């Protein structure tokens, strides 16, 4: 799995986790969902993604998630 795809999987898992926590624990976990969305938007414009830095240090190789096949 490439770094790009790992970041997408991680973001998806975090969104699903925040929805479950909002539903089962507290409505304030919606702020977690907002944080994830804002982080995805800023990383699209700036290219800076904290999750990519961490996953890169864990050994994921870089790649292109949306290349035409």
PDB file of N, CA and C in Angstrom:
ATOM      1  N   UNK A   1       0.854  -1.173   0.000  1.00  0.00           N
ATOM      2  CA  UNK A   1       0.000   0.000   0.000  1.00  0.00           C
ATOM      3  C   UNK A   1       0.900   1.237   0.000  1.00  0.00           C
ATOM      4  N   UNK A   2       0.537   2.206  -0.827  1.00  0.00           N
ATOM      5  CA  UNK A   2       1.327   3.428  -0.902  1.00  0.00           C
ATOM      6  C   UNK A   2       0.901   4.409   0.189  1.00  0.00           C
ATOM      7  N   UNK A   3       1.731   5.417   0.392  1.00  0.00           N
ATOM      8  CA  UNK A   3       1.463   6.444   1.389  1.00  0.00           C
ATOM      9  C   UNK A   3       0.158   7.175   1.084  1.00  0.00           C
ATOM     10  N   UNK A   4      -0.075   7.475  -0.183  1.00  0.00           N
ATOM     11  CA  UNK A   4      -1.297   8.192  -0.571  1.00  0.00           C
ATOM     12  C   UNK A   4      -2.547   7.415  -0.171  1.00  0.00           C
ATOM     13  N   UNK A   5      -2.543   6.158  -0.482  1.00  0.00           N
ATOM     14  CA  UNK A   5      -3.712   5.324  -0.159  1.00  0.00           C
ATOM     15  C   UNK A   5      -3.851   5.116   1.349  1.00  0.00           C
ATOM     16  N   UNK A   6      -2.728   5.010   2.050  1.00  0.00           N
ATOM     17  CA  UNK A   6      -2.773   4.854   3.506  1.00  0.00           C
ATOM     18  C   UNK A   6      -3.382   6.090   4.162  1.00  0.00           C
ATOM     19  N   UNK A   7      -3.055   7.271   3.646  1.00  0.00           N
ATOM     20  CA  UNK A   7      -3.642   8.505   4.181  1.00  0.00           C
ATOM     21  C   UNK A   7      -5.148   8.523   3.937  1.00  0.00           C
ATOM     22  N   UNK A   8      -5.581   8.100   2.758  1.00  0.00           N
ATOM     23  CA  UNK A   8      -7.018   8.051   2.463  1.00  0.00           C
ATOM     24  C   UNK A   8      -7.744   7.068   3.378  1.00  0.00           C
ATOM     25  N   UNK A   9      -7.144   5.908   3.603  1.00  0.00           N
ATOM     26  CA  UNK A   9      -7.740   4.912   4.504  1.00  0.00           C
ATOM     27  C   UNK A   9      -7.814   5.464   5.921  1.00  0.00           C
ATOM     28  N   UNK A  10      -6.726   6.090   6.372  1.00  0.00           N
ATOM     29  CA  UNK A  10      -6.688   6.657   7.721  1.00  0.00           C
ATOM     30  C   UNK A  10      -7.760   7.733   7.891  1.00  0.00           C
ATOM     31  N   UNK A  11      -7.894   8.621   6.908  1.00  0.00           N
ATOM     32  CA  UNK A  11      -8.903   9.680   6.990  1.00  0.00           C
ATOM     33  C   UNK A  11     -10.313   9.086   7.028  1.00  0.00           C
ATOM     34  N   UNK A  12     -10.558   8.077   6.214  1.00  0.00           N
ATOM     35  CA  UNK A  12     -11.872   7.429   6.214  1.00  0.00           C
ATOM     36  C   UNK A  12     -12.199   6.768   7.539  1.00  0.00           C
ATOM     37  N   UNK A  13     -11.213   6.090   8.109  1.00  0.00           N
ATOM     38  CA  UNK A  13     -11.419   5.444   9.411  1.00  0.00           C
ATOM     39  C   UNK A  13     -11.702   6.489  10.484  1.00  0.00           C
ATOM     40  N   UNK A  14     -10.974   7.607  10.453  1.00  0.00           N
ATOM     41  CA  UNK A  14     -11.180   8.653  11.455  1.00  0.00           C
ATOM     42  C   UNK A  14     -12.569   9.282  11.324  1.00  0.00           C
ATOM     43  N   UNK A  15     -13.044   9.484  10.109  1.00  0.00           N
ATOM     44  CA  UNK A  15     -14.393  10.029   9.910  1.00  0.00           C
ATOM     45  C   UNK A  15     -15.440   9.057  10.453  1.00  0.00           C
ATOM     46  N   UNK A  16     -15.310   7.785  10.110  1.00  0.00           N
ATOM     47  CA  UNK A  16     -16.268   6.791  10.614  1.00  0.00           C
ATOM     48  C   UNK A  16     -16.223   6.695  12.135  1.00  0.00           C
ATOM     49  N   UNK A  17     -15.019   6.734  12.709  1.00  0.00           N
ATOM     50  CA  UNK A  17     -14.879   6.693  14.163  1.00  0.00           C
ATOM     51  C   UNK A  17     -15.553   7.900  14.807  1.00  0.00           C
ATOM     52  N   UNK A  18     -15.364   9.080  14.225  1.00  0.00           N
ATOM     53  CA  UNK A  18     -15.975  10.274  14.801  1.00  0.00           C
ATOM     54  C   UNK A  18     -17.498  10.224  14.722  1.00  0.00           C
ATOM     55  N   UNK A  19     -18.033   9.646  13.657  1.00  0.00           N
ATOM     56  CA  UNK A  19     -19.490   9.510  13.541  1.00  0.00           C
ATOM     57  C   UNK A  19     -20.018   8.552  14.603  1.00  0.00           C
ATOM     58  N   UNK A  20     -19.342   7.433  14.798  1.00  0.00           N
ATOM     59  CA  UNK A  20     -19.762   6.464  15.818  1.00  0.00           C
ATOM     60  C   UNK A  20     -19.681   7.092  17.207  1.00  0.00           C
ATOM     61  N   UNK A  21     -18.602   7.822  17.493  1.00  0.00           N
ATOM     62  CA  UNK A  21     -18.465   8.470  18.801  1.00  0.00           C
ATOM     63  C   UNK A  21     -19.527   9.546  19.007  1.00  0.00           C
ATOM     64  N   UNK A  22     -19.871  10.267  17.949  1.00  0.00           N
ATOM     65  CA  UNK A  22     -20.936  11.266  18.052  1.00  0.00           C
ATOM     66  C   UNK A  22     -22.266  10.605  18.364  1.00  0.00           C
ATOM     67  N   UNK A  23     -22.521   9.486  17.720  1.00  0.00           N
ATOM     68  CA  UNK A  23     -23.787   8.786  17.894  1.00  0.00           C
ATOM     69  C   UNK A  23     -23.889   8.126  19.268  1.00  0.00           C
ATOM     70  N   UNK A  24     -22.778   7.579  19.772  1.00  0.00           N
ATOM     71  CA  UNK A  24     -22.845   6.779  20.994  1.00  0.00           C
ATOM     72  C   UNK A  24     -22.395   7.501  22.258  1.00  0.00           C
ATOM     73  N   UNK A  25     -21.521   8.506  22.132  1.00  0.00           N
ATOM     74  CA  UNK A  25     -20.941   9.118  23.328  1.00  0.00           C
ATOM     75  C   UNK A  25     -21.458  10.533  23.547  1.00  0.00           C
ATOM     76  N   UNK A  26     -21.129  11.430  22.612  1.00  0.00           N
ATOM     77  CA  UNK A  26     -21.500  12.828  22.792  1.00  0.00           C
ATOM     78  C   UNK A  26     -21.565  13.532  21.446  1.00  0.00           C
ATOM     79  N   UNK A  27     -22.477  14.469  21.338  1.00  0.00           N
ATOM     80  CA  UNK A  27     -22.615  15.250  20.115  1.00  0.00           C
ATOM     81  C   UNK A  27     -21.378  16.115  19.870  1.00  0.00           C
ATOM     82  N   UNK A  28     -20.605  16.376  20.902  1.00  0.00           N
ATOM     83  CA  UNK A  28     -19.409  17.202  20.757  1.00  0.00           C
ATOM     84  C   UNK A  28     -18.312  16.527  19.937  1.00  0.00           C
ATOM     85  N   UNK A  29     -18.427  15.233  19.691  1.00  0.00           N
ATOM     86  CA  UNK A  29     -17.463  14.569  18.815  1.00  0.00           C
ATOM     87  C   UNK A  29     -17.631  15.005  17.362  1.00  0.00           C
ATOM     88  N   UNK A  30     -18.704  15.741  17.051  1.00  0.00           N
ATOM     89  CA  UNK A  30     -18.830  16.322  15.711  1.00  0.00           C
ATOM     90  C   UNK A  30     -17.680  17.282  15.424  1.00  0.00           C
ATOM     91  N   UNK A  31     -17.139  17.908  16.470  1.00  0.00           N
ATOM     92  CA  UNK A  31     -15.986  18.790  16.283  1.00  0.00           C
ATOM     93  C   UNK A  31     -14.778  18.015  15.768  1.00  0.00           C
ATOM     94  N   UNK A  32     -14.671  16.750  16.132  1.00  0.00           N
ATOM     95  CA  UNK A  32     -13.604  15.889  15.610  1.00  0.00           C
ATOM     96  C   UNK A  32     -13.778  15.719  14.099  1.00  0.00           C
ATOM     97  N   UNK A  33     -15.011  15.518  13.652  1.00  0.00           N
ATOM     98  CA  UNK A  33     -15.302  15.395  12.228  1.00  0.00           C
ATOM     99  C   UNK A  33     -14.962  16.694  11.498  1.00  0.00           C
ATOM    100  N   UNK A  34     -15.306  17.823  12.096  1.00  0.00           N
ATOM    101  CA  UNK A  34     -14.982  19.125  11.507  1.00  0.00           C
ATOM    102  C   UNK A  34     -13.469  19.292  11.382  1.00  0.00           C
ATOM    103  N   UNK A  35     -12.731  18.915  12.415  1.00  0.00           N
ATOM    104  CA  UNK A  35     -11.268  19.007  12.390  1.00  0.00           C
ATOM    105  C   UNK A  35     -10.684  18.169  11.256  1.00  0.00           C
ATOM    106  N   UNK A  36     -11.203  16.966  11.083  1.00  0.00           N
ATOM    107  CA  UNK A  36     -10.713  16.084  10.013  1.00  0.00           C
ATOM    108  C   UNK A  36     -10.978  16.719   8.649  1.00  0.00           C
ATOM    109  N   UNK A  37     -12.179  17.231   8.458  1.00  0.00           N
ATOM    110  CA  UNK A  37     -12.520  17.863   7.188  1.00  0.00           C
ATOM    111  C   UNK A  37     -11.657  19.078   6.891  1.00  0.00           C
ATOM    112  N   UNK A  38     -11.443  19.929   7.888  1.00  0.00           N
ATOM    113  CA  UNK A  38     -10.596  21.105   7.691  1.00  0.00           C
ATOM    114  C   UNK A  38      -9.154  20.714   7.396  1.00  0.00           C
ATOM    115  N   UNK A  39      -8.669  19.668   8.050  1.00  0.00           N
ATOM    116  CA  UNK A  39      -7.311  19.193   7.797  1.00  0.00           C
ATOM    117  C   UNK A  39      -7.181  18.670   6.367  1.00  0.00           C
ATOM    118  N   UNK A  40      -8.189  17.962   5.877  1.00  0.00           N
ATOM    119  CA  UNK A  40      -8.160  17.478   4.495  1.00  0.00           C
ATOM    120  C   UNK A  40      -8.166  18.639   3.498  1.00  0.00           C
ATOM    121  N   UNK A  41      -8.951  19.664   3.782  1.00  0.00           N
ATOM    122  CA  UNK A  41      -9.011  20.824   2.892  1.00  0.00           C
ATOM    123  C   UNK A  41      -7.681  21.562   2.870  1.00  0.00           C
ATOM    124  N   UNK A  42      -7.100  21.822   4.050  1.00  0.00           N
ATOM    125  CA  UNK A  42      -5.832  22.550   4.074  1.00  0.00           C
ATOM    126  C   UNK A  42      -4.715  21.744   3.448  1.00  0.00           C
ATOM    127  N   UNK A  43      -4.732  20.428   3.592  1.00  0.00           N
ATOM    128  CA  UNK A  43      -3.672  19.619   2.982  1.00  0.00           C
ATOM    129  C   UNK A  43      -3.796  19.600   1.459  1.00  0.00           C
ATOM    130  N   UNK A  44      -5.018  19.743   0.948  1.00  0.00           N
ATOM    131  CA  UNK A  44      -5.205  19.810  -0.503  1.00  0.00           C
ATOM    132  C   UNK A  44      -4.597  21.086  -1.077  1.00  0.00           C
ATOM    133  N   UNK A  45      -4.670  22.180  -0.325  1.00  0.00           N
ATOM    134  CA  UNK A  45      -4.147  23.455  -0.814  1.00  0.00           C
ATOM    135  C   UNK A  45      -2.665  23.656  -0.513  1.00  0.00           C
ATOM    136  N   UNK A  46      -2.195  23.148   0.624  1.00  0.00           N
ATOM    137  CA  UNK A  46      -0.813  23.417   1.033  1.00  0.00           C
ATOM    138  C   UNK A  46       0.136  22.261   0.770  1.00  0.00           C
ATOM    139  N   UNK A  47      -0.398  21.051   0.672  1.00  0.00           N
ATOM    140  CA  UNK A  47       0.462  19.877   0.514  1.00  0.00           C
ATOM    141  C   UNK A  47       1.025  19.373   1.823  1.00  0.00           C
ATOM    142  N   UNK A  48       0.693  20.029   2.942  1.00  0.00           N
ATOM    143  CA  UNK A  48       1.163  19.614   4.260  1.00  0.00           C
ATOM    144  C   UNK A  48       0.117  18.725   4.911  1.00  0.00           C
ATOM    145  N   UNK A  49       0.494  17.491   5.223  1.00  0.00           N
ATOM    146  CA  UNK A  49      -0.424  16.542   5.843  1.00  0.00           C
ATOM    147  C   UNK A  49       0.291  15.841   6.995  1.00  0.00           C
ATOM    148  N   UNK A  50      -0.104  16.130   8.238  1.00  0.00           N
ATOM    149  CA  UNK A  50       0.545  15.491   9.380  1.00  0.00           C
ATOM    150  C   UNK A  50       0.458  13.965   9.339  1.00  0.00           C
ATOM    151  N   UNK A  51      -0.667  13.433   8.878  1.00  0.00           N
ATOM    152  CA  UNK A  51      -0.806  11.971   8.802  1.00  0.00           C
ATOM    153  C   UNK A  51       0.197  11.387   7.817  1.00  0.00           C
ATOM    154  N   UNK A  52       0.450  12.083   6.713  1.00  0.00           N
ATOM    155  CA  UNK A  52       1.418  11.598   5.725  1.00  0.00           C
ATOM    156  C   UNK A  52       2.826  11.580   6.301  1.00  0.00           C
ATOM    157  N   UNK A  53       3.150  12.553   7.125  1.00  0.00           N
ATOM    158  CA  UNK A  53       4.472  12.588   7.755  1.00  0.00           C
ATOM    159  C   UNK A  53       4.645  11.388   8.671  1.00  0.00           C
ATOM    160  N   UNK A  54       3.639  11.132   9.500  1.00  0.00           N
ATOM    161  CA  UNK A  54       3.716  10.003  10.441  1.00  0.00           C
ATOM    162  C   UNK A  54       3.754   8.679   9.692  1.00  0.00           C
ATOM    163  N   UNK A  55       2.873   8.507   8.717  1.00  0.00           N
ATOM    164  CA  UNK A  55       2.838   7.251   7.971  1.00  0.00           C
ATOM    165  C   UNK A  55       4.102   7.059   7.142  1.00  0.00           C
ATOM    166  N   UNK A  56       4.684   8.141   6.657  1.00  0.00           N
ATOM    167  CA  UNK A  56       5.942   8.045   5.928  1.00  0.00           C
ATOM    168  C   UNK A  56       7.068   7.541   6.811  1.00  0.00           C
ATOM    169  N   UNK A  57       7.085   7.989   8.057  1.00  0.00           N
ATOM    170  CA  UNK A  57       8.095   7.514   9.009  1.00  0.00           C
ATOM    171  C   UNK A  57       7.871   6.053   9.392  1.00  0.00           C
ATOM    172  N   UNK A  58       6.647   5.560   9.208  1.00  0.00           N
ATOM    173  CA  UNK A  58       6.351   4.156   9.489  1.00  0.00           C
ATOM    174  C   UNK A  58       6.731   3.242   8.328  1.00  0.00           C
ATOM    175  N   UNK A  59       7.198   3.822   7.222  1.00  0.00           N
ATOM    176  CA  UNK A  59       7.722   3.012   6.140  1.00  0.00           C
ATOM    177  C   UNK A  59       6.867   2.884   4.898  1.00  0.00           C
ATOM    178  N   UNK A  60       5.768   3.618   4.814  1.00  0.00           N
ATOM    179  CA  UNK A  60       4.957   3.565   3.598  1.00  0.00           C
ATOM    180  C   UNK A  60       5.697   4.280   2.475  1.00  0.00           C
ATOM    181  N   UNK A  61       5.690   3.692   1.296  1.00  0.00           N
ATOM    182  CA  UNK A  61       6.371   4.311   0.160  1.00  0.00           C
ATOM    183  C   UNK A  61       5.431   5.292  -0.533  1.00  0.00           C
ATOM    184  N   UNK A  62       5.993   6.330  -1.095  1.00  0.00           N
ATOM    185  CA  UNK A  62       5.172   7.336  -1.765  1.00  0.00           C
ATOM    186  C   UNK A  62       4.642   6.783  -3.077  1.00  0.00           C
ATOM    187  N   UNK A  63       3.542   7.339  -3.509  1.00  0.00           N
ATOM    188  CA  UNK A  63       2.920   6.886  -4.746  1.00  0.00           C
ATOM    189  C   UNK A  63       1.891   7.885  -5.209  1.00  0.00           C
ATOM    190  N   UNK A  64       1.184   7.536  -6.246  1.00  0.00           N
ATOM    191  CA  UNK A  64       0.139   8.398  -6.791  1.00  0.00           C
ATOM    192  C   UNK A  64      -1.194   7.663  -6.667  1.00  0.00           C
ATOM    193  N   UNK A  65      -2.051   8.135  -5.790  1.00  0.00           N
ATOM    194  CA  UNK A  65      -3.301   7.433  -5.500  1.00  0.00           C
ATOM    195  C   UNK A  65      -4.291   7.495  -6.652  1.00  0.00           C
ATOM    196  N   UNK A  66      -4.216   8.515  -7.488  1.00  0.00           N
ATOM    197  CA  UNK A  66      -5.254   8.720  -8.490  1.00  0.00           C
ATOM    198  C   UNK A  66      -4.719   8.677  -9.912  1.00  0.00           C
ATOM    199  N   UNK A  67      -3.686   7.910 -10.139  1.00  0.00           N
ATOM    200  CA  UNK A  67      -3.142   7.812 -11.491  1.00  0.00           C
ATOM    201  C   UNK A  67      -4.091   7.022 -12.387  1.00  0.00           C
ATOM    202  N   UNK A  68      -4.139   7.389 -13.643  1.00  0.00           N
ATOM    203  CA  UNK A  68      -4.993   6.694 -14.607  1.00  0.00           C
ATOM    204  C   UNK A  68      -4.393   5.332 -14.937  1.00  0.00           C
ATOM    205  N   UNK A  69      -5.268   4.328 -15.026  1.00  0.00           N
ATOM    206  CA  UNK A  69      -4.781   2.973 -15.326  1.00  0.00           C
ATOM    207  C   UNK A  69      -5.403   2.458 -16.578  1.00  0.00           C
TER     208      UNK A  69
END
